[in-house]
Amino acid sequence: MQQQFLNANVVYRIMYITLAIFLISLIINTFSFFLNKPSNLIFDWFALGPDFSSLLHKPWTLITYGFLHDGFLHILFNLVMLFYFGTLFLDYFSEKQFIYYYFAGIVTGGLIFQLSYSFLPALKNTNSLLVGASAGVMSILAGLATLLPNYALRFQFIGFIKLKYILFFVLILDLLQMPMGNAGGHLAHLGGALIGFLITLNSVSKGISLPKNGIHSKKAKSKNLRTVHKKENPSGFVAQIKNEEQKKIDAILDKISKSGYDALSAEEKQFLFDTGKK
């Protein structure tokens, strides 16, 4: 079990940790019930409160709330979302970028939650705790949908649905559920989505390369080729070959963006694989 955890990627590690904490919380909650203790010790110390004074006393809760879940369906939905979108995310981003997006979403969602209870009249005089990884998951989904809006996922009995429509549906669902309860939680989800969108938008606007199988975007790659090969081969023959390879890479990446990785031919997949090893 320990070796499996150490060999797992960052998505699986966060899933393992989240599930373990959920099970520990259930055990403590069971003991609290038999001891006639009304509160859950884990939630008391690690869930995020609605006001900033609680954050001053327990600053760690701005992160730890993202590992707590209130019920089986809550954690099941978040883990399923994290598995599908987190795995896809790692096809285009690094594990460090995943951690950045995920925890930026959790922190932003937590701050939006507390701001909503401080300033929105409908929530001002109410009390609630924030738990769940949804803001982090929404950051991952929004970051992906911003980079690859037309990437389509196949769903059983439904067919292919583009990422931009999945994101739109989830956001609308959050908005419509606010009057039904947990408005602060739904606003936290929107905060997570917002930061994921902004991080990707900022990266793209600055021309930062977003890798797929170790291959980077045109701006970064072509600049490096000009710098290296002008000195090594004045005739420009090597640079010309590299530029032709880069054009082929760009065309394949455009195809992935529009139709998904599965739309590539066997030859194109092999080309990406061989190029990624260079």
Foldseek 3Di string as FASTA:
>chain_A
DVVVLVPDAPLVVLLVQLVVVAVVQVVQVVVCVVVVNPDGPCCVQQWAWQAVVVCVVRVNNLQRLASYDDDDVQSVVQSVLSVVLVVVLVQFAPSVVLVVLQSQQSNQLSVQLNVCCVPPPVNVPDIDTGHHSLSSSLLSLLLVCLQQVQEWDQDPPPGTDGSVVVNVVLLVVLVVCLVVDPVSRSSSNVRSSVVSNVVNVVCVVVVNWTDGLQDTADVVVLVVLVVPVCVVPVVCPVVVVVVVLNVLVNVLVVCCSNYNPVPDDPVSVVSSNVVSVD
